Amino acid sequence: TVVPTTTVATAATDQTEAAPSRGWND
């Protein structure tokens, strides 16, 4: 509930990459 909405995983074209989340996947 305290994680920004941008942390929700989104499917990439290769289906292995998530959206940046609280500083990871940068």
mmCIF file of all heavy atoms, coordinates in Angstrom:
data_MODEL
# 
_entry.id   MODEL 
# 
loop_
_atom_site.group_PDB 
_atom_site.id 
_atom_site.type_symbol 
_atom_site.label_atom_id 
_atom_site.label_alt_id 
_atom_site.label_comp_id 
_atom_site.label_asym_id 
_atom_site.label_entity_id 
_atom_site.label_seq_id 
_atom_site.pdbx_PDB_ins_code 
_atom_site.Cartn_x 
_atom_site.Cartn_y 
_atom_site.Cartn_z 
_atom_site.occupancy 
_atom_site.B_iso_or_equiv 
_atom_site.pdbx_formal_charge 
_atom_site.auth_seq_id 
_atom_site.auth_comp_id 
_atom_site.auth_asym_id 
_atom_site.auth_atom_id 
_atom_site.pdbx_PDB_model_num 
ATOM 1   N N   . THR A 1 1  ? 0.800  -1.210  0.000   1.00 0.00 ? 1  THR A N   1 
ATOM 2   C CA  . THR A 1 1  ? 0.000  0.000   0.000   1.00 0.00 ? 1  THR A CA  1 
ATOM 3   C C   . THR A 1 1  ? 0.837  1.266   0.000   1.00 0.00 ? 1  THR A C   1 
ATOM 4   O O   . THR A 1 1  ? 0.345  2.333   -0.385  1.00 0.00 ? 1  THR A O   1 
ATOM 5   C CB  . THR A 1 1  ? -0.941 0.038   1.225   1.00 0.00 ? 1  THR A CB  1 
ATOM 6   O OG1 . THR A 1 1  ? -0.139 0.054   2.425   1.00 0.00 ? 1  THR A OG1 1 
ATOM 7   C CG2 . THR A 1 1  ? -1.866 -1.151  1.241   1.00 0.00 ? 1  THR A CG2 1 
ATOM 8   N N   . VAL A 1 2  ? 2.107  1.176   0.426   1.00 0.00 ? 2  VAL A N   1 
ATOM 9   C CA  . VAL A 1 2  ? 2.944  2.366   0.464   1.00 0.00 ? 2  VAL A CA  1 
ATOM 10  C C   . VAL A 1 2  ? 3.902  2.433   -0.707  1.00 0.00 ? 2  VAL A C   1 
ATOM 11  O O   . VAL A 1 2  ? 4.657  3.382   -0.835  1.00 0.00 ? 2  VAL A O   1 
ATOM 12  C CB  . VAL A 1 2  ? 3.748  2.443   1.780   1.00 0.00 ? 2  VAL A CB  1 
ATOM 13  C CG1 . VAL A 1 2  ? 2.817  2.499   2.959   1.00 0.00 ? 2  VAL A CG1 1 
ATOM 14  C CG2 . VAL A 1 2  ? 4.722  1.279   1.910   1.00 0.00 ? 2  VAL A CG2 1 
ATOM 15  N N   . VAL A 1 3  ? 3.867  1.458   -1.595  1.00 0.00 ? 3  VAL A N   1 
ATOM 16  C CA  . VAL A 1 3  ? 4.721  1.479   -2.766  1.00 0.00 ? 3  VAL A CA  1 
ATOM 17  C C   . VAL A 1 3  ? 4.040  2.287   -3.864  1.00 0.00 ? 3  VAL A C   1 
ATOM 18  O O   . VAL A 1 3  ? 2.854  2.101   -4.123  1.00 0.00 ? 3  VAL A O   1 
ATOM 19  C CB  . VAL A 1 3  ? 4.993  0.052   -3.266  1.00 0.00 ? 3  VAL A CB  1 
ATOM 20  C CG1 . VAL A 1 3  ? 5.813  0.087   -4.545  1.00 0.00 ? 3  VAL A CG1 1 
ATOM 21  C CG2 . VAL A 1 3  ? 5.747  -0.733  -2.198  1.00 0.00 ? 3  VAL A CG2 1 
ATOM 22  N N   . PRO A 1 4  ? 4.752  3.197   -4.517  1.00 0.00 ? 4  PRO A N   1 
ATOM 23  C CA  . PRO A 1 4  ? 4.131  3.985   -5.578  1.00 0.00 ? 4  PRO A CA  1 
ATOM 24  C C   . PRO A 1 4  ? 3.550  3.097   -6.661  1.00 0.00 ? 4  PRO A C   1 
ATOM 25  O O   . PRO A 1 4  ? 4.007  1.980   -6.889  1.00 0.00 ? 4  PRO A O   1 
ATOM 26  C CB  . PRO A 1 4  ? 5.302  4.826   -6.110  1.00 0.00 ? 4  PRO A CB  1 
ATOM 27  C CG  . PRO A 1 4  ? 6.303  4.860   -4.994  1.00 0.00 ? 4  PRO A CG  1 
ATOM 28  C CD  . PRO A 1 4  ? 6.144  3.558   -4.275  1.00 0.00 ? 4  PRO A CD  1 
ATOM 29  N N   . THR A 1 5  ? 2.560  3.616   -7.361  1.00 0.00 ? 5  THR A N   1 
ATOM 30  C CA  . THR A 1 5  ? 1.896  2.821   -8.385  1.00 0.00 ? 5  THR A CA  1 
ATOM 31  C C   . THR A 1 5  ? 2.844  2.431   -9.495  1.00 0.00 ? 5  THR A C   1 
ATOM 32  O O   . THR A 1 5  ? 2.605  1.461   -10.205 1.00 0.00 ? 5  THR A O   1 
ATOM 33  C CB  . THR A 1 5  ? 0.723  3.596   -8.987  1.00 0.00 ? 5  THR A CB  1 
ATOM 34  O OG1 . THR A 1 5  ? 1.203  4.859   -9.491  1.00 0.00 ? 5  THR A OG1 1 
ATOM 35  C CG2 . THR A 1 5  ? -0.343 3.866   -7.942  1.00 0.00 ? 5  THR A CG2 1 
ATOM 36  N N   . THR A 1 6  ? 3.967  3.146   -9.649  1.00 0.00 ? 6  THR A N   1 
ATOM 37  C CA  . THR A 1 6  ? 4.911  2.810   -10.705 1.00 0.00 ? 6  THR A CA  1 
ATOM 38  C C   . THR A 1 6  ? 5.639  1.524   -10.426 1.00 0.00 ? 6  THR A C   1 
ATOM 39  O O   . THR A 1 6  ? 6.372  1.027   -11.270 1.00 0.00 ? 6  THR A O   1 
ATOM 40  C CB  . THR A 1 6  ? 5.946  3.929   -10.861 1.00 0.00 ? 6  THR A CB  1 
ATOM 41  O OG1 . THR A 1 6  ? 6.582  4.160   -9.596  1.00 0.00 ? 6  THR A OG1 1 
ATOM 42  C CG2 . THR A 1 6  ? 5.297  5.197   -11.359 1.00 0.00 ? 6  THR A CG2 1 
ATOM 43  N N   . THR A 1 7  ? 5.479  0.950   -9.219  1.00 0.00 ? 7  THR A N   1 
ATOM 44  C CA  . THR A 1 7  ? 6.191  -0.276  -8.913  1.00 0.00 ? 7  THR A CA  1 
ATOM 45  C C   . THR A 1 7  ? 5.472  -1.514  -9.408  1.00 0.00 ? 7  THR A C   1 
ATOM 46  O O   . THR A 1 7  ? 5.981  -2.616  -9.284  1.00 0.00 ? 7  THR A O   1 
ATOM 47  C CB  . THR A 1 7  ? 6.392  -0.428  -7.391  1.00 0.00 ? 7  THR A CB  1 
ATOM 48  O OG1 . THR A 1 7  ? 5.129  -0.611  -6.770  1.00 0.00 ? 7  THR A OG1 1 
ATOM 49  C CG2 . THR A 1 7  ? 7.091  0.776   -6.807  1.00 0.00 ? 7  THR A CG2 1 
ATOM 50  N N   . VAL A 1 8  ? 4.271  -1.374  -9.925  1.00 0.00 ? 8  VAL A N   1 
ATOM 51  C CA  . VAL A 1 8  ? 3.554  -2.541  -10.417 1.00 0.00 ? 8  VAL A CA  1 
ATOM 52  C C   . VAL A 1 8  ? 4.265  -3.097  -11.639 1.00 0.00 ? 8  VAL A C   1 
ATOM 53  O O   . VAL A 1 8  ? 4.630  -2.368  -12.550 1.00 0.00 ? 8  VAL A O   1 
ATOM 54  C CB  . VAL A 1 8  ? 2.106  -2.173  -10.766 1.00 0.00 ? 8  VAL A CB  1 
ATOM 55  C CG1 . VAL A 1 8  ? 1.375  -3.364  -11.349 1.00 0.00 ? 8  VAL A CG1 1 
ATOM 56  C CG2 . VAL A 1 8  ? 1.382  -1.662  -9.528  1.00 0.00 ? 8  VAL A CG2 1 
ATOM 57  N N   . ALA A 1 9  ? 4.493  -4.411  -11.649 1.00 0.00 ? 9  ALA A N   1 
ATOM 58  C CA  . ALA A 1 9  ? 5.222  -5.022  -12.752 1.00 0.00 ? 9  ALA A CA  1 
ATOM 59  C C   . ALA A 1 9  ? 4.449  -4.861  -14.045 1.00 0.00 ? 9  ALA A C   1 
ATOM 60  O O   . ALA A 1 9  ? 3.228  -5.010  -14.085 1.00 0.00 ? 9  ALA A O   1 
ATOM 61  C CB  . ALA A 1 9  ? 5.450  -6.504  -12.468 1.00 0.00 ? 9  ALA A CB  1 
ATOM 62  N N   . THR A 1 10 ? 5.185  -4.573  -15.110 1.00 0.00 ? 10 THR A N   1 
ATOM 63  C CA  . THR A 1 10 ? 4.576  -4.499  -16.427 1.00 0.00 ? 10 THR A CA  1 
ATOM 64  C C   . THR A 1 10 ? 5.306  -5.432  -17.345 1.00 0.00 ? 10 THR A C   1 
ATOM 65  O O   . THR A 1 10 ? 6.530  -5.518  -17.308 1.00 0.00 ? 10 THR A O   1 
ATOM 66  C CB  . THR A 1 10 ? 4.656  -3.069  -16.983 1.00 0.00 ? 10 THR A CB  1 
ATOM 67  O OG1 . THR A 1 10 ? 6.017  -2.657  -17.018 1.00 0.00 ? 10 THR A OG1 1 
ATOM 68  C CG2 . THR A 1 10 ? 3.857  -2.097  -16.124 1.00 0.00 ? 10 THR A CG2 1 
ATOM 69  N N   . ALA A 1 11 ? 4.573  -6.134  -18.183 1.00 0.00 ? 11 ALA A N   1 
ATOM 70  C CA  . ALA A 1 11 ? 5.200  -7.119  -19.051 1.00 0.00 ? 11 ALA A CA  1 
ATOM 71  C C   . ALA A 1 11 ? 5.979  -6.410  -20.145 1.00 0.00 ? 11 ALA A C   1 
ATOM 72  O O   . ALA A 1 11 ? 5.475  -5.532  -20.824 1.00 0.00 ? 11 ALA A O   1 
ATOM 73  C CB  . ALA A 1 11 ? 4.136  -8.023  -19.674 1.00 0.00 ? 11 ALA A CB  1 
ATOM 74  N N   . ALA A 1 12 ? 7.234  -6.823  -20.320 1.00 0.00 ? 12 ALA A N   1 
ATOM 75  C CA  . ALA A 1 12 ? 8.034  -6.324  -21.421 1.00 0.00 ? 12 ALA A CA  1 
ATOM 76  C C   . ALA A 1 12 ? 7.877  -7.266  -22.593 1.00 0.00 ? 12 ALA A C   1 
ATOM 77  O O   . ALA A 1 12 ? 7.251  -8.317  -22.496 1.00 0.00 ? 12 ALA A O   1 
ATOM 78  C CB  . ALA A 1 12 ? 9.507  -6.236  -20.997 1.00 0.00 ? 12 ALA A CB  1 
ATOM 79  N N   . THR A 1 13 ? 8.481  -6.881  -23.705 1.00 0.00 ? 13 THR A N   1 
ATOM 80  C CA  . THR A 1 13 ? 8.301  -7.706  -24.892 1.00 0.00 ? 13 THR A CA  1 
ATOM 81  C C   . THR A 1 13 ? 8.898  -9.091  -24.706 1.00 0.00 ? 13 THR A C   1 
ATOM 82  O O   . THR A 1 13 ? 8.396  -10.057 -25.261 1.00 0.00 ? 13 THR A O   1 
ATOM 83  C CB  . THR A 1 13 ? 8.955  -7.023  -26.097 1.00 0.00 ? 13 THR A CB  1 
ATOM 84  O OG1 . THR A 1 13 ? 10.332 -6.745  -25.798 1.00 0.00 ? 13 THR A OG1 1 
ATOM 85  C CG2 . THR A 1 13 ? 8.241  -5.718  -26.415 1.00 0.00 ? 13 THR A CG2 1 
ATOM 86  N N   . ASP A 1 14 ? 9.975  -9.202  -23.891 1.00 0.00 ? 14 ASP A N   1 
ATOM 87  C CA  . ASP A 1 14 ? 10.550 -10.522 -23.667 1.00 0.00 ? 14 ASP A CA  1 
ATOM 88  C C   . ASP A 1 14 ? 10.001 -11.183 -22.416 1.00 0.00 ? 14 ASP A C   1 
ATOM 89  O O   . ASP A 1 14 ? 10.402 -12.255 -22.031 1.00 0.00 ? 14 ASP A O   1 
ATOM 90  C CB  . ASP A 1 14 ? 12.081 -10.458 -23.594 1.00 0.00 ? 14 ASP A CB  1 
ATOM 91  C CG  . ASP A 1 14 ? 12.586 -9.584  -22.456 1.00 0.00 ? 14 ASP A CG  1 
ATOM 92  O OD1 . ASP A 1 14 ? 11.742 -9.041  -21.709 1.00 0.00 ? 14 ASP A OD1 1 
ATOM 93  O OD2 . ASP A 1 14 ? 13.815 -9.455  -22.317 1.00 0.00 ? 14 ASP A OD2 1 
ATOM 94  N N   . GLN A 1 15 ? 9.085  -10.516 -21.734 1.00 0.00 ? 15 GLN A N   1 
ATOM 95  C CA  . GLN A 1 15 ? 8.398  -11.026 -20.548 1.00 0.00 ? 15 GLN A CA  1 
ATOM 96  C C   . GLN A 1 15 ? 9.369  -11.434 -19.445 1.00 0.00 ? 15 GLN A C   1 
ATOM 97  O O   . GLN A 1 15 ? 9.100  -12.320 -18.660 1.00 0.00 ? 15 GLN A O   1 
ATOM 98  C CB  . GLN A 1 15 ? 7.498  -12.224 -20.892 1.00 0.00 ? 15 GLN A CB  1 
ATOM 99  C CG  . GLN A 1 15 ? 6.331  -11.849 -21.780 1.00 0.00 ? 15 GLN A CG  1 
ATOM 100 C CD  . GLN A 1 15 ? 5.284  -12.932 -21.851 1.00 0.00 ? 15 GLN A CD  1 
ATOM 101 O OE1 . GLN A 1 15 ? 5.441  -14.013 -21.305 1.00 0.00 ? 15 GLN A OE1 1 
ATOM 102 N NE2 . GLN A 1 15 ? 4.210  -12.652 -22.519 1.00 0.00 ? 15 GLN A NE2 1 
ATOM 103 N N   . THR A 1 16 ? 10.506 -10.762 -19.354 1.00 0.00 ? 16 THR A N   1 
ATOM 104 C CA  . THR A 1 16 ? 11.437 -11.040 -18.268 1.00 0.00 ? 16 THR A CA  1 
ATOM 105 C C   . THR A 1 16 ? 11.751 -9.802  -17.463 1.00 0.00 ? 16 THR A C   1 
ATOM 106 O O   . THR A 1 16 ? 12.398 -9.891  -16.441 1.00 0.00 ? 16 THR A O   1 
ATOM 107 C CB  . THR A 1 16 ? 12.760 -11.609 -18.812 1.00 0.00 ? 16 THR A CB  1 
ATOM 108 O OG1 . THR A 1 16 ? 13.364 -10.644 -19.678 1.00 0.00 ? 16 THR A OG1 1 
ATOM 109 C CG2 . THR A 1 16 ? 12.539 -12.900 -19.544 1.00 0.00 ? 16 THR A CG2 1 
ATOM 110 N N   . GLU A 1 17 ? 11.284 -8.639  -17.880 1.00 0.00 ? 17 GLU A N   1 
ATOM 111 C CA  . GLU A 1 17 ? 11.688 -7.385  -17.253 1.00 0.00 ? 17 GLU A CA  1 
ATOM 112 C C   . GLU A 1 17 ? 10.502 -6.710  -16.600 1.00 0.00 ? 17 GLU A C   1 
ATOM 113 O O   . GLU A 1 17 ? 9.426  -6.600  -17.177 1.00 0.00 ? 17 GLU A O   1 
ATOM 114 C CB  . GLU A 1 17 ? 12.300 -6.463  -18.307 1.00 0.00 ? 17 GLU A CB  1 
ATOM 115 C CG  . GLU A 1 17 ? 12.761 -5.127  -17.756 1.00 0.00 ? 17 GLU A CG  1 
ATOM 116 C CD  . GLU A 1 17 ? 13.287 -4.239  -18.853 1.00 0.00 ? 17 GLU A CD  1 
ATOM 117 O OE1 . GLU A 1 17 ? 13.549 -4.752  -19.951 1.00 0.00 ? 17 GLU A OE1 1 
ATOM 118 O OE2 . GLU A 1 17 ? 13.426 -3.032  -18.615 1.00 0.00 ? 17 GLU A OE2 1 
ATOM 119 N N   . ALA A 1 18 ? 10.701 -6.237  -15.373 1.00 0.00 ? 18 ALA A N   1 
ATOM 120 C CA  . ALA A 1 18 ? 9.661  -5.516  -14.665 1.00 0.00 ? 18 ALA A CA  1 
ATOM 121 C C   . ALA A 1 18 ? 9.966  -4.032  -14.684 1.00 0.00 ? 18 ALA A C   1 
ATOM 122 O O   . ALA A 1 18 ? 11.081 -3.603  -14.961 1.00 0.00 ? 18 ALA A O   1 
ATOM 123 C CB  . ALA A 1 18 ? 9.564  -6.000  -13.218 1.00 0.00 ? 18 ALA A CB  1 
ATOM 124 N N   . ALA A 1 19 ? 8.952  -3.231  -14.360 1.00 0.00 ? 19 ALA A N   1 
ATOM 125 C CA  . ALA A 1 19 ? 9.151  -1.793  -14.273 1.00 0.00 ? 19 ALA A CA  1 
ATOM 126 C C   . ALA A 1 19 ? 10.058 -1.465  -13.097 1.00 0.00 ? 19 ALA A C   1 
ATOM 127 O O   . ALA A 1 19 ? 10.118 -2.203  -12.125 1.00 0.00 ? 19 ALA A O   1 
ATOM 128 C CB  . ALA A 1 19 ? 7.793  -1.106  -14.089 1.00 0.00 ? 19 ALA A CB  1 
ATOM 129 N N   . PRO A 1 20 ? 10.802 -0.331  -13.147 1.00 0.00 ? 20 PRO A N   1 
ATOM 130 C CA  . PRO A 1 20 ? 11.630 0.073   -12.010 1.00 0.00 ? 20 PRO A CA  1 
ATOM 131 C C   . PRO A 1 20 ? 10.795 0.145   -10.744 1.00 0.00 ? 20 PRO A C   1 
ATOM 132 O O   . PRO A 1 20 ? 9.679  0.645   -10.744 1.00 0.00 ? 20 PRO A O   1 
ATOM 133 C CB  . PRO A 1 20 ? 12.145 1.451   -12.436 1.00 0.00 ? 20 PRO A CB  1 
ATOM 134 C CG  . PRO A 1 20 ? 12.104 1.427   -13.933 1.00 0.00 ? 20 PRO A CG  1 
ATOM 135 C CD  . PRO A 1 20 ? 10.902 0.603   -14.278 1.00 0.00 ? 20 PRO A CD  1 
ATOM 136 N N   . SER A 1 21 ? 11.345 -0.375  -9.639  1.00 0.00 ? 21 SER A N   1 
ATOM 137 C CA  . SER A 1 21 ? 10.574 -0.492  -8.416  1.00 0.00 ? 21 SER A CA  1 
ATOM 138 C C   . SER A 1 21 ? 11.429 -0.095  -7.220  1.00 0.00 ? 21 SER A C   1 
ATOM 139 O O   . SER A 1 21 ? 12.351 -0.812  -6.858  1.00 0.00 ? 21 SER A O   1 
ATOM 140 C CB  . SER A 1 21 ? 10.087 -1.932  -8.224  1.00 0.00 ? 21 SER A CB  1 
ATOM 141 O OG  . SER A 1 21 ? 9.365  -2.378  -9.345  1.00 0.00 ? 21 SER A OG  1 
ATOM 142 N N   . ARG A 1 22 ? 11.142 1.080   -6.665  1.00 0.00 ? 22 ARG A N   1 
ATOM 143 C CA  . ARG A 1 22 ? 11.829 1.559   -5.472  1.00 0.00 ? 22 ARG A CA  1 
ATOM 144 C C   . ARG A 1 22 ? 13.341 1.449   -5.623  1.00 0.00 ? 22 ARG A C   1 
ATOM 145 O O   . ARG A 1 22 ? 14.043 1.081   -4.703  1.00 0.00 ? 22 ARG A O   1 
ATOM 146 C CB  . ARG A 1 22 ? 11.351 0.796   -4.237  1.00 0.00 ? 22 ARG A CB  1 
ATOM 147 C CG  . ARG A 1 22 ? 9.881  0.998   -3.912  1.00 0.00 ? 22 ARG A CG  1 
ATOM 148 C CD  . ARG A 1 22 ? 9.452  0.243   -2.675  1.00 0.00 ? 22 ARG A CD  1 
ATOM 149 N NE  . ARG A 1 22 ? 10.026 0.848   -1.464  1.00 0.00 ? 22 ARG A NE  1 
ATOM 150 C CZ  . ARG A 1 22 ? 9.846  0.337   -0.254  1.00 0.00 ? 22 ARG A CZ  1 
ATOM 151 N NH1 . ARG A 1 22 ? 9.157  -0.777  -0.088  1.00 0.00 ? 22 ARG A NH1 1 
ATOM 152 N NH2 . ARG A 1 22 ? 10.371 0.924   0.800   1.00 0.00 ? 22 ARG A NH2 1 
ATOM 153 N N   . GLY A 1 23 ? 13.844 1.757   -6.823  1.00 0.00 ? 23 GLY A N   1 
ATOM 154 C CA  . GLY A 1 23 ? 15.280 1.820   -7.006  1.00 0.00 ? 23 GLY A CA  1 
ATOM 155 C C   . GLY A 1 23 ? 15.908 0.606   -7.642  1.00 0.00 ? 23 GLY A C   1 
ATOM 156 O O   . GLY A 1 23 ? 17.105 0.629   -7.938  1.00 0.00 ? 23 GLY A O   1 
ATOM 157 N N   . TRP A 1 24 ? 15.131 -0.461  -7.867  1.00 0.00 ? 24 TRP A N   1 
ATOM 158 C CA  . TRP A 1 24 ? 15.734 -1.588  -8.558  1.00 0.00 ? 24 TRP A CA  1 
ATOM 159 C C   . TRP A 1 24 ? 15.221 -1.666  -9.998  1.00 0.00 ? 24 TRP A C   1 
ATOM 160 O O   . TRP A 1 24 ? 14.282 -0.984  -10.369 1.00 0.00 ? 24 TRP A O   1 
ATOM 161 C CB  . TRP A 1 24 ? 15.565 -2.891  -7.799  1.00 0.00 ? 24 TRP A CB  1 
ATOM 162 C CG  . TRP A 1 24 ? 14.231 -3.579  -7.749  1.00 0.00 ? 24 TRP A CG  1 
ATOM 163 C CD1 . TRP A 1 24 ? 13.797 -4.548  -8.586  1.00 0.00 ? 24 TRP A CD1 1 
ATOM 164 C CD2 . TRP A 1 24 ? 13.197 -3.428  -6.769  1.00 0.00 ? 24 TRP A CD2 1 
ATOM 165 N NE1 . TRP A 1 24 ? 12.552 -5.015  -8.201  1.00 0.00 ? 24 TRP A NE1 1 
ATOM 166 C CE2 . TRP A 1 24 ? 12.165 -4.350  -7.089  1.00 0.00 ? 24 TRP A CE2 1 
ATOM 167 C CE3 . TRP A 1 24 ? 13.029 -2.615  -5.651  1.00 0.00 ? 24 TRP A CE3 1 
ATOM 168 C CZ2 . TRP A 1 24 ? 10.993 -4.464  -6.335  1.00 0.00 ? 24 TRP A CZ2 1 
ATOM 169 C CZ3 . TRP A 1 24 ? 11.869 -2.725  -4.902  1.00 0.00 ? 24 TRP A CZ3 1 
ATOM 170 C CH2 . TRP A 1 24 ? 10.867 -3.645  -5.247  1.00 0.00 ? 24 TRP A CH2 1 
ATOM 171 N N   . ASN A 1 25 ? 15.910 -2.472  -10.803 1.00 0.00 ? 25 ASN A N   1 
ATOM 172 C CA  . ASN A 1 25 ? 15.702 -2.491  -12.253 1.00 0.00 ? 25 ASN A CA  1 
ATOM 173 C C   . ASN A 1 25 ? 15.972 -1.114  -12.864 1.00 0.00 ? 25 ASN A C   1 
ATOM 174 O O   . ASN A 1 25 ? 15.289 -0.678  -13.791 1.00 0.00 ? 25 ASN A O   1 
ATOM 175 C CB  . ASN A 1 25 ? 14.296 -2.973  -12.623 1.00 0.00 ? 25 ASN A CB  1 
ATOM 176 C CG  . ASN A 1 25 ? 14.211 -4.492  -12.626 1.00 0.00 ? 25 ASN A CG  1 
ATOM 177 O OD1 . ASN A 1 25 ? 15.218 -5.182  -12.551 1.00 0.00 ? 25 ASN A OD1 1 
ATOM 178 N ND2 . ASN A 1 25 ? 12.998 -5.004  -12.705 1.00 0.00 ? 25 ASN A ND2 1 
ATOM 179 N N   . ASP A 1 26 ? 17.002 -0.452  -12.341 1.00 0.00 ? 26 ASP A N   1 
ATOM 180 C CA  . ASP A 1 26 ? 17.472 0.818   -12.879 1.00 0.00 ? 26 ASP A CA  1 
ATOM 181 C C   . ASP A 1 26 ? 18.679 0.520   -13.768 1.00 0.00 ? 26 ASP A C   1 
ATOM 182 O O   . ASP A 1 26 ? 19.783 0.289   -13.276 1.00 0.00 ? 26 ASP A O   1 
ATOM 183 C CB  . ASP A 1 26 ? 17.858 1.757   -11.736 1.00 0.00 ? 26 ASP A CB  1 
ATOM 184 C CG  . ASP A 1 26 ? 18.442 3.073   -12.229 1.00 0.00 ? 26 ASP A CG  1 
ATOM 185 O OD1 . ASP A 1 26 ? 18.481 3.287   -13.461 1.00 0.00 ? 26 ASP A OD1 1 
ATOM 186 O OD2 . ASP A 1 26 ? 18.876 3.875   -11.378 1.00 0.00 ? 26 ASP A OD2 1 
# 
